[in-house]
Amino acid sequence: MHEEVAGSAQGRTSASPAARAVLVPVLALVLSATGCAAIAPGLHASETGMTSRQTATGPLEIVPITPAVLVDQANARAAAVERRAHEPAVEGPYQYRVAPFDVLSVIVWDHPELTIPAGEFRAAEAAGNMVQADGTMFYPFVGVVPVVGKTLPEIRALLTEKLRTYVENPQLDVRVAAFRGKRVQVTGDVLQPSTLPITDVPLRVQDAIAAAHGLGPDAWTRGVTLTRDGKTIALDLQALYDQGDVSQNWVLQDGDVLHVPSRLENKVFVLGEVRSPSSKVMARGRMSLAEAIGDSQGFDPLTSNPGAIYVFRGRYDAPRVFKLDASSADALLLAVQFQLEPLDVVFVSAYRLTDWNRVMTQILPTIQGIWQTADIGNRTVNTFQ
């Protein structure tokens, strides 16, 4: 390549010693660079430079994308499914336990004086017995009784026992008129982020999302998080929707925070010699290498080198680099099965002649300007002679 440039320069400057005297140093400076890629504009992928780099885990290794790599990917996904957080086993049926600020409604049959009438224009929670912050409730004849943490059957048995002194064989019905004590937060990419009460009906993750009017258009269902007691648990709701994995549909507890992240935070970036370099949103948390390139309108037929397609993954101090040689079209079958991860960078290298053409595009205006200046000076000297 260097010889071609030198020969071209000699041919163009042979007619003008003055032009040759100016152009030769310029070309010598250009050709002194270590190859065309070193001075060509744009991004470059040098395997020599990459493999010589030291990372936190040792020398950077470029892993060719082969059927064995695809098998390792499939095994890793299967292992991730096995490690997926599962709902802890709950002993016995679900029972609601009364919390502070709940409002209870107590009915004593055949004893209306012990039952507060709600009336036509009074809400049940306004007419009931509110549980105080200290966990107690006042009831006529019985006085102050502790009710927090008890189930409705336990409260019914407690009141029945204490009323026996005043009422013969009392028949009681205890209900929760207003659930005010236990709440969960639903945040993130849902249509209506809100605070939801926990009631006597189990509130599961999908129930909470439905109560928040459903998922937003950019919800990342594979990255839903549940924060409980200071610990964050990752849930894969897409597995619930696709495979019916009910272990991801946890029963929510008081104080839980359910967050649905946005998939816009987990894109794939396609750069280099494709027709439309851009960032791509992973639909349903999945995207193959072939999809990423196809959604970027494919390889640039004039400048791309399909034999050097790189996938950069991970942090800068400890990256992983995969390489696909798609110079043969059947290798694209590997690209169909190679699954990308959020924040992967796909880079399609340029063909070597592309680098050379870009170098020439940059230096030709300078050479032409110098040539014209030297030629004008030469004609001026000849005129005066």
Protein backbone atom coordinates (compact mmCIF):
# COMPACT_ATOMS: atom_id res chain seq x y z
CA MET A 1 0.00 0.00 0.00
CA HIS A 2 2.82 2.35 0.88
CA GLU A 3 4.55 1.60 -2.41
CA GLU A 4 1.38 2.46 -4.36
CA VAL A 5 1.15 5.85 -2.67
CA ALA A 6 4.80 6.61 -3.29
CA GLY A 7 4.56 5.57 -6.93
CA SER A 8 1.46 7.70 -7.45
CA ALA A 9 3.15 10.67 -5.83
CA GLN A 10 6.23 10.29 -8.01
CA GLY A 11 4.11 10.17 -11.15
CA ARG A 12 2.21 13.30 -10.21
CA THR A 13 5.24 15.35 -9.19
CA SER A 14 7.75 14.34 -11.83
CA ALA A 15 6.87 17.34 -13.97
CA SER A 16 7.53 19.82 -11.18
CA PRO A 17 10.66 19.66 -8.99
CA ALA A 18 9.25 22.36 -6.73
CA ALA A 19 6.04 20.41 -6.16
CA ARG A 20 8.03 17.24 -5.56
CA ALA A 21 10.12 18.98 -2.95
CA VAL A 22 6.99 19.86 -0.97
CA LEU A 23 4.93 16.73 -1.53
CA VAL A 24 7.56 14.12 -0.70
CA PRO A 25 7.91 15.17 2.99
CA VAL A 26 4.12 15.24 3.36
CA LEU A 27 3.70 11.74 1.97
CA ALA A 28 6.63 10.49 4.00
CA LEU A 29 4.89 11.75 7.16
CA VAL A 30 1.63 10.03 6.19
CA LEU A 31 3.29 6.75 5.28
CA SER A 32 5.35 6.68 8.46
CA ALA A 33 2.21 5.69 10.38
CA THR A 34 1.83 2.01 11.28
CA GLY A 35 -0.68 1.01 8.63
CA CYS A 36 -3.72 2.68 7.13
CA ALA A 37 -6.05 1.83 10.03
CA ALA A 38 -3.89 3.86 12.40
CA ILE A 39 -4.61 7.09 10.52
CA ALA A 40 -7.99 6.30 8.97
CA PRO A 41 -10.94 8.14 10.55
CA GLY A 42 -13.62 6.27 12.49
CA LEU A 43 -13.61 3.31 14.87
CA HIS A 44 -11.17 0.44 14.38
CA ALA A 45 -10.94 -3.05 15.85
CA SER A 46 -7.35 -4.22 16.11
CA GLU A 47 -7.12 -7.77 17.44
CA THR A 48 -3.44 -7.29 18.20
CA GLY A 49 -4.22 -4.24 20.30
CA MET A 50 -7.10 -5.93 22.07
CA THR A 51 -5.28 -9.14 22.97
CA SER A 52 -2.29 -7.18 24.30
CA ARG A 53 -4.48 -5.36 26.77
CA GLN A 54 -4.41 -6.44 30.42
CA THR A 55 -7.76 -6.62 32.24
CA ALA A 56 -8.77 -7.34 35.81
CA THR A 57 -8.94 -11.04 34.93
CA GLY A 58 -5.76 -11.22 32.84
CA PRO A 59 -5.03 -10.73 29.12
CA LEU A 60 -8.08 -9.95 27.01
CA GLU A 61 -9.25 -13.01 25.10
CA ILE A 62 -11.25 -12.94 21.88
CA VAL A 63 -13.64 -15.91 21.83
CA PRO A 64 -14.72 -17.11 18.37
CA ILE A 65 -18.46 -17.73 18.11
CA THR A 66 -18.75 -21.45 17.40
CA PRO A 67 -21.39 -24.14 18.05
CA ALA A 68 -19.58 -24.91 21.32
CA VAL A 69 -20.08 -21.31 22.49
CA LEU A 70 -23.80 -21.58 21.69
CA VAL A 71 -24.00 -24.76 23.78
CA ASP A 72 -22.30 -22.94 26.67
CA GLN A 73 -24.81 -20.11 26.31
CA ALA A 74 -27.73 -22.52 26.47
CA ASN A 75 -26.27 -24.23 29.55
CA ALA A 76 -25.75 -20.85 31.25
CA ARG A 77 -29.38 -19.89 30.59
CA ALA A 78 -30.55 -23.20 32.03
CA ALA A 79 -28.39 -22.66 35.11
CA ALA A 80 -29.83 -19.18 35.50
CA VAL A 81 -33.32 -20.66 35.49
CA GLU A 82 -32.27 -23.06 38.25
CA ARG A 83 -30.85 -20.15 40.28
CA ARG A 84 -33.97 -18.07 39.77
CA ALA A 85 -35.57 -16.91 42.99
CA HIS A 86 -38.58 -19.04 43.92
CA GLU A 87 -41.40 -18.10 46.22
CA PRO A 88 -40.77 -19.48 49.70
CA ALA A 89 -43.09 -22.21 50.85
CA VAL A 90 -45.94 -21.04 53.05
CA GLU A 91 -47.34 -23.41 55.65
CA GLY A 92 -51.10 -23.68 55.62
CA PRO A 93 -53.66 -21.48 53.84
CA TYR A 94 -53.31 -17.72 53.66
CA GLN A 95 -54.80 -15.84 56.61
CA TYR A 96 -54.87 -12.09 57.08
CA ARG A 97 -53.55 -10.82 60.41
CA VAL A 98 -54.87 -7.56 61.75
CA ALA A 99 -52.52 -4.56 61.71
CA PRO A 100 -52.60 -1.13 63.39
CA PHE A 101 -55.06 1.35 61.85
CA ASP A 102 -57.27 -1.39 60.42
CA VAL A 103 -60.98 -0.89 61.09
CA LEU A 104 -62.91 -3.90 62.40
CA SER A 105 -66.63 -4.49 62.30
CA VAL A 106 -68.05 -6.60 65.17
CA ILE A 107 -71.62 -7.90 65.04
CA VAL A 108 -73.24 -9.60 68.06
CA TRP A 109 -76.39 -11.37 66.96
CA ASP A 110 -79.58 -10.59 68.93
CA HIS A 111 -77.76 -7.78 70.73
CA PRO A 112 -78.09 -4.63 68.64
CA GLU A 113 -76.84 -2.52 71.55
CA LEU A 114 -73.41 -4.09 71.03
CA THR A 115 -73.48 -3.54 67.28
CA ILE A 116 -72.84 -0.03 65.97
CA PRO A 117 -75.36 0.57 63.16
CA ALA A 118 -73.71 1.74 59.99
CA GLY A 119 -76.78 3.55 58.78
CA GLU A 120 -77.64 4.45 55.23
CA PHE A 121 -75.13 7.30 54.87
CA ARG A 122 -72.27 6.00 57.00
CA ALA A 123 -69.38 4.04 55.58
CA ALA A 124 -68.47 0.82 57.32
CA GLU A 125 -64.98 2.04 58.17
CA ALA A 126 -66.44 5.13 59.85
CA ALA A 127 -68.76 3.07 62.02
CA GLY A 128 -66.37 0.28 62.96
CA ASN A 129 -63.78 -0.22 65.67
CA MET A 130 -60.37 1.16 64.71
CA VAL A 131 -57.24 -0.64 65.80
CA GLN A 132 -54.97 1.80 67.61
CA ALA A 133 -51.28 2.33 66.93
CA ASP A 134 -50.41 0.29 70.02
CA GLY A 135 -52.25 -2.71 68.56
CA THR A 136 -55.34 -2.61 70.79
CA MET A 137 -59.05 -2.11 70.18
CA PHE A 138 -61.81 -0.98 72.56
CA TYR A 139 -65.08 -2.91 72.69
CA PRO A 140 -68.06 -2.36 75.06
CA PHE A 141 -68.07 -4.50 78.24
CA VAL A 142 -64.80 -6.09 77.15
CA GLY A 143 -62.63 -2.98 77.31
CA VAL A 144 -59.24 -2.73 75.61
CA VAL A 145 -58.08 -5.95 73.95
CA PRO A 146 -54.92 -6.66 71.94
CA VAL A 147 -55.78 -7.62 68.36
CA VAL A 148 -52.70 -6.85 66.23
CA GLY A 149 -51.15 -9.94 64.72
CA LYS A 150 -54.25 -12.02 65.28
CA THR A 151 -56.47 -13.56 62.64
CA LEU A 152 -60.20 -12.87 62.52
CA PRO A 153 -61.10 -16.29 64.00
CA GLU A 154 -58.69 -15.63 66.87
CA ILE A 155 -60.25 -12.21 67.56
CA ARG A 156 -63.73 -13.72 67.38
CA ALA A 157 -62.79 -16.38 69.93
CA LEU A 158 -61.21 -13.75 72.20
CA LEU A 159 -64.27 -11.47 72.18
CA THR A 160 -66.65 -14.41 72.60
CA GLU A 161 -64.81 -15.58 75.69
CA LYS A 162 -64.78 -12.11 77.27
CA LEU A 163 -68.47 -11.44 76.51
CA ARG A 164 -69.67 -14.65 78.16
CA THR A 165 -69.72 -12.81 81.48
CA TYR A 166 -72.32 -10.37 80.16
CA VAL A 167 -74.08 -12.22 77.34
CA GLU A 168 -75.29 -15.78 77.42
CA ASN A 169 -73.81 -17.84 74.60
CA PRO A 170 -72.78 -14.82 72.46
CA GLN A 171 -72.70 -15.24 68.68
CA LEU A 172 -70.14 -12.94 67.05
CA ASP A 173 -69.05 -12.08 63.55
CA VAL A 174 -65.81 -10.13 63.10
CA ARG A 175 -64.80 -8.61 59.78
CA VAL A 176 -62.31 -6.04 58.54
CA ALA A 177 -64.27 -3.01 57.42
CA ALA A 178 -61.21 -1.15 56.09
CA PHE A 179 -57.73 -2.45 55.36
CA ARG A 180 -55.45 0.42 56.37
CA GLY A 181 -52.57 -1.23 58.18
CA LYS A 182 -50.64 -3.14 55.50
CA ARG A 183 -49.55 -1.69 52.17
CA VAL A 184 -47.23 -2.35 49.26
CA GLN A 185 -45.72 0.05 46.74
CA VAL A 186 -45.84 -0.53 42.99
CA THR A 187 -43.35 1.67 41.13
CA GLY A 188 -41.61 1.91 37.78
CA ASP A 189 -43.00 1.34 34.30
CA VAL A 190 -46.64 0.67 35.16
CA LEU A 191 -49.52 2.77 33.93
CA GLN A 192 -50.44 4.01 37.40
CA PRO A 193 -47.75 3.65 40.11
CA SER A 194 -49.61 3.43 43.39
CA THR A 195 -49.86 2.19 46.95
CA LEU A 196 -52.05 -0.88 47.39
CA PRO A 197 -53.57 -2.32 50.58
CA ILE A 198 -53.05 -5.93 51.58
CA THR A 199 -56.42 -7.53 52.27
CA ASP A 200 -57.80 -10.88 53.32
CA VAL A 201 -57.31 -12.02 49.70
CA PRO A 202 -53.67 -12.84 48.86
CA LEU A 203 -52.09 -10.07 46.81
CA ARG A 204 -49.64 -11.51 44.30
CA VAL A 205 -47.18 -9.73 42.02
CA GLN A 206 -49.38 -9.99 38.96
CA ASP A 207 -52.41 -8.85 40.98
CA ALA A 208 -50.50 -5.75 42.10
CA ILE A 209 -49.47 -4.94 38.52
CA ALA A 210 -53.05 -5.36 37.36
CA ALA A 211 -54.25 -3.06 40.17
CA ALA A 212 -51.71 -0.49 38.91
CA HIS A 213 -53.53 -0.62 35.54
CA GLY A 214 -51.00 -2.95 33.94
CA LEU A 215 -47.51 -2.71 32.52
CA GLY A 216 -46.23 0.31 30.65
CA PRO A 217 -45.21 0.08 26.97
CA ASP A 218 -41.50 -0.16 27.85
CA ALA A 219 -41.70 -2.46 30.87
CA TRP A 220 -38.71 -4.78 31.36
CA THR A 221 -40.52 -7.89 32.58
CA ARG A 222 -37.33 -9.94 32.99
CA GLY A 223 -35.86 -7.50 35.49
CA VAL A 224 -38.70 -6.91 37.97
CA THR A 225 -37.41 -6.46 41.51
CA LEU A 226 -39.09 -7.05 44.85
CA THR A 227 -37.55 -5.30 47.85
CA ARG A 228 -38.42 -6.96 51.16
CA ASP A 229 -36.80 -6.41 54.57
CA GLY A 230 -33.88 -4.57 52.99
CA LYS A 231 -33.16 -7.33 50.46
CA THR A 232 -33.80 -7.05 46.73
CA ILE A 233 -35.11 -10.12 44.91
CA ALA A 234 -35.03 -10.40 41.12
CA LEU A 235 -38.18 -11.83 39.52
CA ASP A 236 -38.60 -12.92 35.91
CA LEU A 237 -42.21 -12.14 35.06
CA GLN A 238 -41.60 -13.03 31.43
CA ALA A 239 -41.10 -16.61 32.58
CA LEU A 240 -44.50 -16.37 34.27
CA TYR A 241 -46.10 -15.11 31.07
CA ASP A 242 -44.29 -17.41 28.64
CA GLN A 243 -43.86 -20.64 30.58
CA GLY A 244 -46.38 -20.25 33.40
CA ASP A 245 -43.68 -20.24 36.07
CA VAL A 246 -45.92 -19.39 39.04
CA SER A 247 -42.91 -19.42 41.37
CA GLN A 248 -42.22 -15.88 40.14
CA ASN A 249 -45.68 -14.70 41.18
CA TRP A 250 -44.90 -14.09 44.86
CA VAL A 251 -47.46 -13.27 47.52
CA LEU A 252 -46.71 -9.71 48.64
CA GLN A 253 -46.22 -8.72 52.26
CA ASP A 254 -46.54 -5.51 54.21
CA GLY A 255 -43.81 -3.04 53.26
CA ASP A 256 -42.86 -4.71 49.96
CA VAL A 257 -41.75 -2.47 47.09
CA LEU A 258 -42.41 -3.92 43.64
CA HIS A 259 -40.47 -2.15 40.89
CA VAL A 260 -40.87 -2.66 37.15
CA PRO A 261 -37.84 -1.19 35.34
CA SER A 262 -37.87 0.23 31.83
CA ARG A 263 -36.33 -1.73 28.99
CA LEU A 264 -34.99 1.55 27.61
CA GLU A 265 -32.26 1.22 30.24
CA ASN A 266 -31.16 -2.12 28.73
CA LYS A 267 -30.32 -1.54 25.09
CA VAL A 268 -27.94 -3.15 22.62
CA PHE A 269 -25.64 -0.87 20.61
CA VAL A 270 -24.81 -1.68 16.98
CA LEU A 271 -21.88 0.29 15.58
CA GLY A 272 -19.41 0.13 12.73
CA GLU A 273 -20.05 -0.77 9.12
CA VAL A 274 -23.81 -1.28 9.14
CA ARG A 275 -26.24 0.81 7.16
CA SER A 276 -27.93 2.28 10.21
CA PRO A 277 -25.78 2.31 13.39
CA SER A 278 -28.07 2.75 16.38
CA SER A 279 -29.16 1.44 19.77
CA LYS A 280 -31.76 -1.30 19.86
CA VAL A 281 -34.34 -2.08 22.54
CA MET A 282 -34.47 -5.76 23.41
CA ALA A 283 -38.02 -6.98 22.85
CA ARG A 284 -39.16 -9.11 25.81
CA GLY A 285 -35.58 -9.19 27.05
CA ARG A 286 -34.27 -11.17 24.09
CA MET A 287 -32.29 -10.31 20.95
CA SER A 288 -29.95 -12.37 18.80
CA LEU A 289 -26.87 -11.08 17.02
CA ALA A 290 -28.59 -11.59 13.67
CA GLU A 291 -31.60 -9.54 14.84
CA ALA A 292 -29.38 -6.68 15.97
CA ILE A 293 -27.59 -6.52 12.61
CA GLY A 294 -30.79 -7.01 10.64
CA ASP A 295 -32.59 -4.24 12.55
CA SER A 296 -29.66 -1.98 11.62
CA GLN A 297 -30.47 -2.60 7.93
CA GLY A 298 -27.67 -5.12 7.54
CA PHE A 299 -24.03 -4.84 6.53
CA ASP A 300 -22.85 -1.93 4.44
CA PRO A 301 -22.06 -3.74 1.14
CA LEU A 302 -19.28 -1.28 0.20
CA THR A 303 -17.35 -0.86 3.44
CA SER A 304 -18.07 -3.75 5.84
CA ASN A 305 -15.93 -6.75 6.63
CA PRO A 306 -18.37 -9.51 7.71
CA GLY A 307 -15.40 -11.67 8.60
CA ALA A 308 -14.75 -9.55 11.70
CA ILE A 309 -17.90 -8.96 13.76
CA TYR A 310 -17.23 -8.33 17.44
CA VAL A 311 -19.52 -8.39 20.49
CA PHE A 312 -18.17 -6.48 23.50
CA ARG A 313 -19.74 -7.41 26.85
CA GLY A 314 -19.22 -6.45 30.48
CA ARG A 315 -17.32 -3.71 32.27
CA TYR A 316 -14.35 -1.92 30.77
CA ASP A 317 -11.96 -3.34 33.37
CA ALA A 318 -13.15 -6.92 32.80
CA PRO A 319 -14.74 -7.22 29.35
CA ARG A 320 -15.54 -10.26 27.27
CA VAL A 321 -15.12 -10.15 23.50
CA PHE A 322 -16.74 -12.53 21.03
CA LYS A 323 -15.93 -12.67 17.33
CA LEU A 324 -18.05 -14.00 14.47
CA ASP A 325 -16.55 -14.73 11.08
CA ALA A 326 -19.54 -14.31 8.77
CA SER A 327 -17.56 -14.08 5.55
CA SER A 328 -19.43 -17.24 4.59
CA ALA A 329 -23.19 -16.72 4.60
CA ASP A 330 -23.92 -19.97 6.43
CA ALA A 331 -22.10 -18.59 9.49
CA LEU A 332 -25.07 -16.27 9.97
CA LEU A 333 -26.90 -19.30 11.39
CA LEU A 334 -24.59 -18.94 14.36
CA ALA A 335 -25.60 -15.27 14.61
CA VAL A 336 -29.26 -16.31 14.75
CA GLN A 337 -28.64 -18.44 17.84
CA PHE A 338 -26.10 -16.22 19.59
CA GLN A 339 -28.10 -14.33 22.25
CA LEU A 340 -27.10 -10.80 23.21
CA GLU A 341 -27.31 -9.36 26.70
CA PRO A 342 -28.31 -5.85 27.84
CA LEU A 343 -25.68 -3.18 27.10
CA ASP A 344 -23.78 -5.38 24.63
CA VAL A 345 -21.89 -3.50 21.91
CA VAL A 346 -21.91 -5.06 18.44
CA PHE A 347 -19.16 -3.75 16.15
CA VAL A 348 -18.83 -4.59 12.46
CA SER A 349 -15.29 -3.92 11.21
CA ALA A 350 -14.37 -2.09 8.05
CA TYR A 351 -12.73 -3.76 5.06
CA ARG A 352 -9.02 -2.95 4.70
CA LEU A 353 -9.51 -1.16 1.40
CA THR A 354 -12.13 0.97 3.14
CA ASP A 355 -9.48 2.24 5.57
CA TRP A 356 -7.17 3.08 2.66
CA ASN A 357 -9.93 4.92 0.78
CA ARG A 358 -10.75 6.94 3.88
CA VAL A 359 -7.10 7.89 4.32
CA MET A 360 -6.92 9.03 0.71
CA THR A 361 -10.15 10.98 1.09
CA GLN A 362 -8.57 12.86 3.98
CA ILE A 363 -5.17 13.62 2.42
CA LEU A 364 -6.11 14.22 -1.22
CA PRO A 365 -7.45 17.77 -0.63
CA THR A 366 -4.16 18.65 1.10
CA ILE A 367 -2.07 17.12 -1.71
CA GLN A 368 -4.11 18.87 -4.36
CA GLY A 369 -3.75 22.20 -2.56
CA ILE A 370 0.00 21.81 -2.24
CA TRP A 371 0.24 20.71 -5.87
CA GLN A 372 -1.67 23.73 -7.11
CA THR A 373 0.40 26.11 -4.96
CA ALA A 374 3.69 24.61 -6.17
CA ASP A 375 2.49 24.59 -9.78
CA ILE A 376 1.48 28.27 -9.62
CA GLY A 377 4.85 29.15 -8.08
CA ASN A 378 6.67 27.22 -10.80
CA ARG A 379 4.77 29.01 -13.58
CA THR A 380 5.50 32.36 -11.96
CA VAL A 381 9.23 31.65 -11.84
CA ASN A 382 9.22 30.53 -15.49
CA THR A 383 7.41 33.78 -16.49
CA PHE A 384 10.04 36.01 -14.93
CA GLN A 385 12.82 33.95 -16.48
